[in-house]
Amino acid sequence: MSDTARGLRHVEHVMGTVITFDIRDERVPAIEAALSEAVSWLHHVDEVYSTYRPDSAISRLARHEIGLDDCSAEVREVLALCRSAVRTSGGWFSHLATGFLDPSGLVKGWAVEGASRILYEAGARNTCLNGGGDLRLRGEAAPGSPWRVGVAHPLRPGELCTVVQGRDLAVATSGTAERGAHIVNPHLGTPANGLASVTVTGPGLTMTDSYATAAFARGESARDWLASLDGYEGFGMLPDGRSWCTDGFPGETVPAHHPA
């Protein structure tokens, strides 16, 4: 935990990634306590939902060692959210795409959303939580100034492909730059390769994260699908370097590049 000119910053290694907290409110005991609670919450999520922990509830459920009725109401809620994302995406999001139970495509966003809510309820009104490139923004970076978030270019390391700005917004990016071809086309069972990356914005990170996964899996049809969703927008980069965005995307985009 460290002081800034106005607030707190904290970095936590959890859930197989790095979660950063950038809190721009005045440092007060209630917010400090909420930050500790939010960190504990993230470790709880890791213990319960990690597919890499053989003793997690999700791993035990996947091995049929326990049934859904043996799980907590929280686990049942997460799996219900996954089923909702499956329905809304027409099956392009799937927590069963690999043949095994794996809600990871929704859980990280849900966990960061929960941490952001803990801080908000404690009085932190100006926060940016970044969970491995998926962000939940609240309030302002400074009085009168919205948060501005750069999205890494998937084809040109060290460059940005778009800059998103907003005051109460979730931003999630799916692509191959960080983890390679890890998103599966659930209808074919093969790696999705129609896009180099896709960034989705929405009102909360739980569904924004899952919709980014679904949009990347969709490939060519992602733009029209995102445009049909109320409250969600998207920006996509194609493997050949061209880009597109939906009409309401809250960001500055680079011009589309058409190869010679």
C-alpha atoms as a PDB file:
ATOM      1  CA  MET A   1       0.000   0.000   0.000  1.00  0.00           C
ATOM      2  CA  SER A   2       1.375   3.434  -0.855  1.00  0.00           C
ATOM      3  CA  ASP A   3       0.299   7.055  -0.587  1.00  0.00           C
ATOM      4  CA  THR A   4      -0.366   9.221  -3.610  1.00  0.00           C
ATOM      5  CA  ALA A   5      -0.980  12.967  -3.672  1.00  0.00           C
ATOM      6  CA  ARG A   6      -4.634  12.151  -3.191  1.00  0.00           C
ATOM      7  CA  GLY A   7      -5.457   8.674  -2.017  1.00  0.00           C
ATOM      8  CA  LEU A   8      -3.958   5.197  -2.096  1.00  0.00           C
ATOM      9  CA  ARG A   9      -2.365   2.746  -4.474  1.00  0.00           C
ATOM     10  CA  HIS A  10      -2.031  -0.967  -3.886  1.00  0.00           C
ATOM     11  CA  VAL A  11      -0.867  -3.930  -5.995  1.00  0.00           C
ATOM     12  CA  GLU A  12      -1.988  -7.471  -5.185  1.00  0.00           C
ATOM     13  CA  HIS A  13      -0.848 -10.695  -6.857  1.00  0.00           C
ATOM     14  CA  VAL A  14      -3.874 -12.979  -6.786  1.00  0.00           C
ATOM     15  CA  MET A  15      -6.007 -15.137  -9.099  1.00  0.00           C
ATOM     16  CA  GLY A  16      -3.008 -15.744 -11.333  1.00  0.00           C
ATOM     17  CA  THR A  17      -2.745 -12.075 -12.271  1.00  0.00           C
ATOM     18  CA  VAL A  18      -1.986  -8.638 -10.842  1.00  0.00           C
ATOM     19  CA  ILE A  19      -4.794  -6.503  -9.418  1.00  0.00           C
ATOM     20  CA  THR A  20      -4.015  -2.811  -8.974  1.00  0.00           C
ATOM     21  CA  PHE A  21      -6.036  -0.406  -6.858  1.00  0.00           C
ATOM     22  CA  ASP A  22      -5.855   3.316  -7.627  1.00  0.00           C
ATOM     23  CA  ILE A  23      -7.961   5.255  -5.113  1.00  0.00           C
ATOM     24  CA  ARG A  24      -8.102   9.020  -5.599  1.00  0.00           C
ATOM     25  CA  ASP A  25     -10.219   9.859  -2.535  1.00  0.00           C
ATOM     26  CA  GLU A  26      -8.812  11.290   0.680  1.00  0.00           C
ATOM     27  CA  ARG A  27      -7.104   8.614   2.749  1.00  0.00           C
ATOM     28  CA  VAL A  28      -9.339   7.890   5.751  1.00  0.00           C
ATOM     29  CA  PRO A  29      -9.553   4.842   8.054  1.00  0.00           C
ATOM     30  CA  ALA A  30     -12.827   3.596   6.520  1.00  0.00           C
ATOM     31  CA  ILE A  31     -11.286   3.458   3.036  1.00  0.00           C
ATOM     32  CA  GLU A  32      -8.098   1.832   4.328  1.00  0.00           C
ATOM     33  CA  ALA A  33     -10.209  -0.850   6.025  1.00  0.00           C
ATOM     34  CA  ALA A  34     -12.256  -1.329   2.848  1.00  0.00           C
ATOM     35  CA  LEU A  35      -9.083  -1.806   0.814  1.00  0.00           C
ATOM     36  CA  SER A  36      -8.003  -4.606   3.155  1.00  0.00           C
ATOM     37  CA  GLU A  37     -11.491  -6.133   2.898  1.00  0.00           C
ATOM     38  CA  ALA A  38     -11.384  -5.930  -0.905  1.00  0.00           C
ATOM     39  CA  VAL A  39      -8.012  -7.706  -0.992  1.00  0.00           C
ATOM     40  CA  SER A  40      -9.338 -10.443   1.298  1.00  0.00           C
ATOM     41  CA  TRP A  41     -12.352 -10.801  -0.989  1.00  0.00           C
ATOM     42  CA  LEU A  42     -10.122 -11.406  -4.013  1.00  0.00           C
ATOM     43  CA  HIS A  43      -8.209 -14.141  -2.181  1.00  0.00           C
ATOM     44  CA  HIS A  44     -11.516 -15.715  -1.164  1.00  0.00           C
ATOM     45  CA  VAL A  45     -12.600 -15.781  -4.806  1.00  0.00           C
ATOM     46  CA  ASP A  46      -9.315 -17.418  -5.776  1.00  0.00           C
ATOM     47  CA  GLU A  47      -9.739 -20.114  -3.124  1.00  0.00           C
ATOM     48  CA  VAL A  48     -13.301 -20.943  -4.176  1.00  0.00           C
ATOM     49  CA  TYR A  49     -13.260 -20.560  -7.974  1.00  0.00           C
ATOM     50  CA  SER A  50      -9.707 -21.316  -9.141  1.00  0.00           C
ATOM     51  CA  THR A  51      -9.520 -24.195 -11.609  1.00  0.00           C
ATOM     52  CA  TYR A  52      -5.841 -24.549 -10.665  1.00  0.00           C
ATOM     53  CA  ARG A  53      -6.595 -25.381  -7.032  1.00  0.00           C
ATOM     54  CA  PRO A  54      -7.669 -29.037  -6.717  1.00  0.00           C
ATOM     55  CA  ASP A  55      -9.437 -28.267  -3.423  1.00  0.00           C
ATOM     56  CA  SER A  56     -11.521 -25.324  -4.740  1.00  0.00           C
ATOM     57  CA  ALA A  57     -15.282 -25.709  -4.848  1.00  0.00           C
ATOM     58  CA  ILE A  58     -15.227 -25.323  -8.624  1.00  0.00           C
ATOM     59  CA  SER A  59     -12.590 -28.056  -9.061  1.00  0.00           C
ATOM     60  CA  ARG A  60     -14.460 -30.416  -6.750  1.00  0.00           C
ATOM     61  CA  LEU A  61     -17.722 -29.648  -8.567  1.00  0.00           C
ATOM     62  CA  ALA A  62     -16.065 -30.326 -11.929  1.00  0.00           C
ATOM     63  CA  ARG A  63     -14.856 -33.725 -10.658  1.00  0.00           C
ATOM     64  CA  HIS A  64     -18.398 -34.504  -9.398  1.00  0.00           C
ATOM     65  CA  GLU A  65     -17.091 -34.888  -5.845  1.00  0.00           C
ATOM     66  CA  ILE A  66     -19.820 -32.501  -4.726  1.00  0.00           C
ATOM     67  CA  GLY A  67     -23.089 -31.392  -6.259  1.00  0.00           C
ATOM     68  CA  LEU A  68     -24.492 -27.919  -6.799  1.00  0.00           C
ATOM     69  CA  ASP A  69     -26.682 -28.304  -3.716  1.00  0.00           C
ATOM     70  CA  ASP A  70     -23.515 -28.807  -1.674  1.00  0.00           C
ATOM     71  CA  CYS A  71     -22.130 -25.448  -2.822  1.00  0.00           C
ATOM     72  CA  SER A  72     -22.705 -22.046  -1.278  1.00  0.00           C
ATOM     73  CA  ALA A  73     -25.375 -19.670  -2.540  1.00  0.00           C
ATOM     74  CA  GLU A  74     -22.535 -17.529  -3.891  1.00  0.00           C
ATOM     75  CA  VAL A  75     -21.252 -20.352  -6.125  1.00  0.00           C
ATOM     76  CA  ARG A  76     -24.768 -21.015  -7.381  1.00  0.00           C
ATOM     77  CA  GLU A  77     -25.126 -17.287  -8.154  1.00  0.00           C
ATOM     78  CA  VAL A  78     -21.896 -17.260 -10.192  1.00  0.00           C
ATOM     79  CA  LEU A  79     -22.962 -20.283 -12.221  1.00  0.00           C
ATOM     80  CA  ALA A  80     -26.356 -18.640 -12.813  1.00  0.00           C
ATOM     81  CA  LEU A  81     -24.532 -15.553 -14.134  1.00  0.00           C
ATOM     82  CA  CYS A  82     -22.518 -17.829 -16.434  1.00  0.00           C
ATOM     83  CA  ARG A  83     -25.719 -19.381 -17.791  1.00  0.00           C
ATOM     84  CA  SER A  84     -27.128 -15.878 -18.361  1.00  0.00           C
ATOM     85  CA  ALA A  85     -23.992 -14.941 -20.341  1.00  0.00           C
ATOM     86  CA  VAL A  86     -24.349 -18.133 -22.389  1.00  0.00           C
ATOM     87  CA  ARG A  87     -27.941 -17.202 -23.273  1.00  0.00           C
ATOM     88  CA  THR A  88     -27.211 -13.557 -24.106  1.00  0.00           C
ATOM     89  CA  SER A  89     -24.196 -14.472 -26.258  1.00  0.00           C
ATOM     90  CA  GLY A  90     -25.962 -17.227 -28.156  1.00  0.00           C
ATOM     91  CA  GLY A  91     -23.502 -19.744 -26.743  1.00  0.00           C
ATOM     92  CA  TRP A  92     -20.367 -17.805 -27.734  1.00  0.00           C
ATOM     93  CA  PHE A  93     -19.528 -17.462 -24.070  1.00  0.00           C
ATOM     94  CA  SER A  94     -19.341 -20.845 -22.411  1.00  0.00           C
ATOM     95  CA  HIS A  95     -18.186 -21.973 -18.985  1.00  0.00           C
ATOM     96  CA  LEU A  96     -18.108 -25.504 -20.395  1.00  0.00           C
ATOM     97  CA  ALA A  97     -16.275 -24.806 -23.683  1.00  0.00           C
ATOM     98  CA  THR A  98     -13.346 -27.096 -22.898  1.00  0.00           C
ATOM     99  CA  GLY A  99     -15.575 -29.936 -21.761  1.00  0.00           C
ATOM    100  CA  PHE A 100     -14.887 -29.078 -18.124  1.00  0.00           C
ATOM    101  CA  LEU A 101     -16.491 -26.597 -15.758  1.00  0.00           C
ATOM    102  CA  ASP A 102     -14.493 -23.374 -16.032  1.00  0.00           C
ATOM    103  CA  PRO A 103     -16.207 -20.071 -15.119  1.00  0.00           C
ATOM    104  CA  SER A 104     -12.918 -18.127 -15.374  1.00  0.00           C
ATOM    105  CA  GLY A 105     -14.204 -16.009 -18.280  1.00  0.00           C
ATOM    106  CA  LEU A 106     -16.692 -14.394 -15.906  1.00  0.00           C
ATOM    107  CA  VAL A 107     -15.201 -14.823 -12.432  1.00  0.00           C
ATOM    108  CA  LYS A 108     -12.336 -12.330 -12.714  1.00  0.00           C
ATOM    109  CA  GLY A 109     -14.652  -9.519 -13.772  1.00  0.00           C
ATOM    110  CA  TRP A 110     -17.146 -10.485 -11.070  1.00  0.00           C
ATOM    111  CA  ALA A 111     -14.386 -10.499  -8.452  1.00  0.00           C
ATOM    112  CA  VAL A 112     -13.022  -7.074  -9.426  1.00  0.00           C
ATOM    113  CA  GLU A 113     -16.558  -5.674  -9.578  1.00  0.00           C
ATOM    114  CA  GLY A 114     -17.107  -6.923  -6.031  1.00  0.00           C
ATOM    115  CA  ALA A 115     -13.867  -5.351  -4.811  1.00  0.00           C
ATOM    116  CA  SER A 116     -14.837  -2.045  -6.429  1.00  0.00           C
ATOM    117  CA  ARG A 117     -18.229  -2.180  -4.747  1.00  0.00           C
ATOM    118  CA  ILE A 118     -16.641  -2.778  -1.311  1.00  0.00           C
ATOM    119  CA  LEU A 119     -14.611   0.407  -1.736  1.00  0.00           C
ATOM    120  CA  TYR A 120     -17.590   2.391  -3.028  1.00  0.00           C
ATOM    121  CA  GLU A 121     -19.781   1.379  -0.095  1.00  0.00           C
ATOM    122  CA  ALA A 122     -17.030   2.554   2.267  1.00  0.00           C
ATOM    123  CA  GLY A 123     -17.046   6.016   0.708  1.00  0.00           C
ATOM    124  CA  ALA A 124     -14.400   5.711  -2.028  1.00  0.00           C
ATOM    125  CA  ARG A 125     -16.012   7.475  -4.976  1.00  0.00           C
ATOM    126  CA  ASN A 126     -13.029   7.901  -7.316  1.00  0.00           C
ATOM    127  CA  THR A 127     -11.372   4.558  -7.997  1.00  0.00           C
ATOM    128  CA  CYS A 128      -9.782   2.531 -10.780  1.00  0.00           C
ATOM    129  CA  LEU A 129      -9.322  -1.197 -10.270  1.00  0.00           C
ATOM    130  CA  ASN A 130      -7.306  -3.027 -12.916  1.00  0.00           C
ATOM    131  CA  GLY A 131      -7.476  -6.806 -12.947  1.00  0.00           C
ATOM    132  CA  GLY A 132      -4.995  -7.980 -15.549  1.00  0.00           C
ATOM    133  CA  GLY A 133      -6.216  -5.430 -18.096  1.00  0.00           C
ATOM    134  CA  ASP A 134      -9.904  -5.554 -17.156  1.00  0.00           C
ATOM    135  CA  LEU A 135     -10.892  -2.351 -15.388  1.00  0.00           C
ATOM    136  CA  ARG A 136     -13.664  -0.930 -13.236  1.00  0.00           C
ATOM    137  CA  LEU A 137     -13.698   2.879 -13.175  1.00  0.00           C
ATOM    138  CA  ARG A 138     -15.685   5.028 -10.761  1.00  0.00           C
ATOM    139  CA  GLY A 139     -15.768   8.808 -10.397  1.00  0.00           C
ATOM    140  CA  GLU A 140     -12.840  10.847 -11.671  1.00  0.00           C
ATOM    141  CA  ALA A 141      -9.069  10.642 -11.901  1.00  0.00           C
ATOM    142  CA  ALA A 142      -8.955  14.266 -10.717  1.00  0.00           C
ATOM    143  CA  PRO A 143     -11.650  16.892 -10.158  1.00  0.00           C
ATOM    144  CA  GLY A 144     -13.240  17.569 -13.548  1.00  0.00           C
ATOM    145  CA  SER A 145     -11.168  14.904 -15.323  1.00  0.00           C
ATOM    146  CA  PRO A 146     -12.512  11.472 -16.331  1.00  0.00           C
ATOM    147  CA  TRP A 147     -10.350   8.368 -16.167  1.00  0.00           C
ATOM    148  CA  ARG A 148      -8.373   7.686 -19.354  1.00  0.00           C
ATOM    149  CA  VAL A 149      -7.265   4.125 -20.047  1.00  0.00           C
ATOM    150  CA  GLY A 150      -4.921   3.061 -22.825  1.00  0.00           C
ATOM    151  CA  VAL A 151      -5.476  -0.324 -24.499  1.00  0.00           C
ATOM    152  CA  ALA A 152      -2.352  -2.113 -25.711  1.00  0.00           C
ATOM    153  CA  HIS A 153      -2.085  -2.723 -29.450  1.00  0.00           C
ATOM    154  CA  PRO A 154      -2.208  -6.490 -30.029  1.00  0.00           C
ATOM    155  CA  LEU A 155       0.032  -6.352 -33.109  1.00  0.00           C
ATOM    156  CA  ARG A 156       2.506  -3.579 -32.252  1.00  0.00           C
ATOM    157  CA  PRO A 157       4.116  -4.076 -28.826  1.00  0.00           C
ATOM    158  CA  GLY A 158       4.568  -0.866 -26.892  1.00  0.00           C
ATOM    159  CA  GLU A 159       1.813   0.995 -28.769  1.00  0.00           C
ATOM    160  CA  LEU A 160      -1.816   1.723 -27.957  1.00  0.00           C
ATOM    161  CA  CYS A 161      -4.719   0.944 -30.255  1.00  0.00           C
ATOM    162  CA  THR A 162      -7.323   3.022 -28.413  1.00  0.00           C
ATOM    163  CA  VAL A 163      -7.797   5.191 -25.329  1.00  0.00           C
ATOM    164  CA  VAL A 164     -11.033   4.775 -23.390  1.00  0.00           C
ATOM    165  CA  GLN A 165     -12.346   7.467 -21.073  1.00  0.00           C
ATOM    166  CA  GLY A 166     -15.197   7.506 -18.612  1.00  0.00           C
ATOM    167  CA  ARG A 167     -16.402   8.235 -15.084  1.00  0.00           C
ATOM    168  CA  ASP A 168     -18.439   5.120 -14.266  1.00  0.00           C
ATOM    169  CA  LEU A 169     -17.461   2.375 -16.641  1.00  0.00           C
ATOM    170  CA  ALA A 170     -16.167  -1.162 -16.987  1.00  0.00           C
ATOM    171  CA  VAL A 171     -13.562  -1.973 -19.647  1.00  0.00           C
ATOM    172  CA  ALA A 172     -12.541  -5.513 -20.621  1.00  0.00           C
ATOM    173  CA  THR A 173     -10.171  -6.643 -23.365  1.00  0.00           C
ATOM    174  CA  SER A 174      -9.775 -10.136 -24.801  1.00  0.00           C
ATOM    175  CA  GLY A 175      -7.036 -11.114 -27.222  1.00  0.00           C
ATOM    176  CA  THR A 176      -3.946 -13.158 -27.888  1.00  0.00           C
ATOM    177  CA  ALA A 177      -1.237 -10.628 -26.984  1.00  0.00           C
ATOM    178  CA  GLU A 178      -0.750 -11.652 -23.344  1.00  0.00           C
ATOM    179  CA  ARG A 179      -1.718 -15.325 -23.180  1.00  0.00           C
ATOM    180  CA  GLY A 180      -1.693 -16.510 -26.791  1.00  0.00           C
ATOM    181  CA  ALA A 181      -4.648 -18.347 -28.341  1.00  0.00           C
ATOM    182  CA  HIS A 182      -6.413 -19.223 -25.080  1.00  0.00           C
ATOM    183  CA  ILE A 183     -10.036 -18.451 -26.050  1.00  0.00           C
ATOM    184  CA  VAL A 184     -11.911 -21.332 -27.645  1.00  0.00           C
ATOM    185  CA  ASN A 185     -14.675 -21.116 -30.213  1.00  0.00           C
ATOM    186  CA  PRO A 186     -17.237 -23.075 -28.171  1.00  0.00           C
ATOM    187  CA  HIS A 187     -19.161 -24.165 -31.268  1.00  0.00           C
ATOM    188  CA  LEU A 188     -16.101 -25.741 -32.906  1.00  0.00           C
ATOM    189  CA  GLY A 189     -13.830 -26.491 -29.974  1.00  0.00           C
ATOM    190  CA  THR A 190     -10.904 -24.791 -31.720  1.00  0.00           C
ATOM    191  CA  PRO A 191      -8.976 -21.610 -30.857  1.00  0.00           C
ATOM    192  CA  ALA A 192     -10.776 -18.419 -31.902  1.00  0.00           C
ATOM    193  CA  ASN A 193      -8.742 -16.453 -34.443  1.00  0.00           C
ATOM    194  CA  GLY A 194     -11.088 -14.001 -36.155  1.00  0.00           C
ATOM    195  CA  LEU A 195      -9.855 -11.012 -34.133  1.00  0.00           C
ATOM    196  CA  ALA A 196      -6.503  -9.889 -32.757  1.00  0.00           C
ATOM    197  CA  SER A 197      -8.261  -8.265 -29.793  1.00  0.00           C
ATOM    198  CA  VAL A 198     -11.586  -6.801 -28.753  1.00  0.00           C
ATOM    199  CA  THR A 199     -12.304  -4.238 -26.039  1.00  0.00           C
ATOM    200  CA  VAL A 200     -15.799  -4.028 -24.567  1.00  0.00           C
ATOM    201  CA  THR A 201     -17.191  -1.291 -22.320  1.00  0.00           C
ATOM    202  CA  GLY A 202     -20.272  -1.579 -20.146  1.00  0.00           C
ATOM    203  CA  PRO A 203     -21.907  -0.600 -16.859  1.00  0.00           C
ATOM    204  CA  GLY A 204     -20.366  -3.366 -14.725  1.00  0.00           C
ATOM    205  CA  LEU A 205     -17.348  -5.624 -15.097  1.00  0.00           C
ATOM    206  CA  THR A 206     -19.048  -8.983 -14.514  1.00  0.00           C
ATOM    207  CA  MET A 207     -20.886  -9.125 -17.820  1.00  0.00           C
ATOM    208  CA  THR A 208     -18.484  -6.802 -19.651  1.00  0.00           C
ATOM    209  CA  ASP A 209     -15.706  -9.341 -19.036  1.00  0.00           C
ATOM    210  CA  SER A 210     -17.799 -12.289 -20.219  1.00  0.00           C
ATOM    211  CA  TYR A 211     -19.053 -10.369 -23.268  1.00  0.00           C
ATOM    212  CA  ALA A 212     -15.456  -9.536 -24.249  1.00  0.00           C
ATOM    213  CA  THR A 213     -14.693 -13.265 -24.206  1.00  0.00           C
ATOM    214  CA  ALA A 214     -17.808 -13.981 -26.268  1.00  0.00           C
ATOM    215  CA  ALA A 215     -17.044 -11.187 -28.736  1.00  0.00           C
ATOM    216  CA  PHE A 216     -13.520 -12.483 -29.293  1.00  0.00           C
ATOM    217  CA  ALA A 217     -14.854 -15.991 -29.865  1.00  0.00           C
ATOM    218  CA  ARG A 218     -17.404 -14.624 -32.365  1.00  0.00           C
ATOM    219  CA  GLY A 219     -14.799 -12.930 -34.514  1.00  0.00           C
ATOM    220  CA  GLU A 220     -16.379 -11.297 -37.595  1.00  0.00           C
ATOM    221  CA  SER A 221     -19.874 -11.099 -36.123  1.00  0.00           C
ATOM    222  CA  ALA A 222     -18.741  -9.432 -32.890  1.00  0.00           C
ATOM    223  CA  ARG A 223     -19.383  -5.854 -33.999  1.00  0.00           C
ATOM    224  CA  ASP A 224     -23.041  -6.339 -34.894  1.00  0.00           C
ATOM    225  CA  TRP A 225     -23.678  -8.395 -31.760  1.00  0.00           C
ATOM    226  CA  LEU A 226     -22.129  -5.789 -29.453  1.00  0.00           C
ATOM    227  CA  ALA A 227     -24.080  -3.028 -31.187  1.00  0.00           C
ATOM    228  CA  SER A 228     -27.286  -4.953 -30.366  1.00  0.00           C
ATOM    229  CA  LEU A 229     -26.579  -5.010 -26.623  1.00  0.00           C
ATOM    230  CA  ASP A 230     -28.077  -2.210 -24.547  1.00  0.00           C
ATOM    231  CA  GLY A 231     -25.380  -0.335 -22.625  1.00  0.00           C
ATOM    232  CA  TYR A 232     -22.367  -2.098 -24.171  1.00  0.00           C
ATOM    233  CA  GLU A 233     -19.926  -0.896 -26.821  1.00  0.00           C
ATOM    234  CA  GLY A 234     -16.874  -2.393 -28.492  1.00  0.00           C
ATOM    235  CA  PHE A 235     -13.631  -1.803 -30.347  1.00  0.00           C
ATOM    236  CA  GLY A 236     -12.024  -4.570 -32.387  1.00  0.00           C
ATOM    237  CA  MET A 237      -8.633  -5.100 -33.985  1.00  0.00           C
ATOM    238  CA  LEU A 238      -8.409  -7.533 -36.898  1.00  0.00           C
ATOM    239  CA  PRO A 239      -5.382  -9.740 -37.510  1.00  0.00           C
ATOM    240  CA  ASP A 240      -4.481  -7.647 -40.580  1.00  0.00           C
ATOM    241  CA  GLY A 241      -4.319  -4.432 -38.540  1.00  0.00           C
ATOM    242  CA  ARG A 242      -7.679  -2.936 -39.454  1.00  0.00           C
ATOM    243  CA  SER A 243      -9.977  -1.788 -36.658  1.00  0.00           C
ATOM    244  CA  TRP A 244     -13.646  -1.080 -36.036  1.00  0.00           C
ATOM    245  CA  CYS A 245     -15.775   0.321 -33.229  1.00  0.00           C
ATOM    246  CA  THR A 246     -19.459   0.526 -32.412  1.00  0.00           C
ATOM    247  CA  ASP A 247     -21.105   3.929 -32.701  1.00  0.00           C
ATOM    248  CA  GLY A 248     -21.113   4.724 -28.984  1.00  0.00           C
ATOM    249  CA  PHE A 249     -17.651   3.458 -28.071  1.00  0.00           C
ATOM    250  CA  PRO A 250     -16.293   5.910 -25.443  1.00  0.00           C
ATOM    251  CA  GLY A 251     -12.778   6.198 -26.727  1.00  0.00           C
ATOM    252  CA  GLU A 252     -10.331   7.664 -29.178  1.00  0.00           C
ATOM    253  CA  THR A 253      -9.496   5.122 -31.846  1.00  0.00           C
ATOM    254  CA  VAL A 254      -6.637   4.909 -34.286  1.00  0.00           C
ATOM    255  CA  PRO A 255      -7.595   5.208 -37.960  1.00  0.00           C
ATOM    256  CA  ALA A 256      -8.327   1.917 -39.693  1.00  0.00           C
ATOM    257  CA  HIS A 257      -5.275   0.643 -41.518  1.00  0.00           C
ATOM    258  CA  HIS A 258      -5.787  -1.045 -44.847  1.00  0.00           C
ATOM    259  CA  PRO A 259      -2.745  -3.030 -45.965  1.00  0.00           C
ATOM    260  CA  ALA A 260      -1.458  -2.408 -49.467  1.00  0.00           C
END
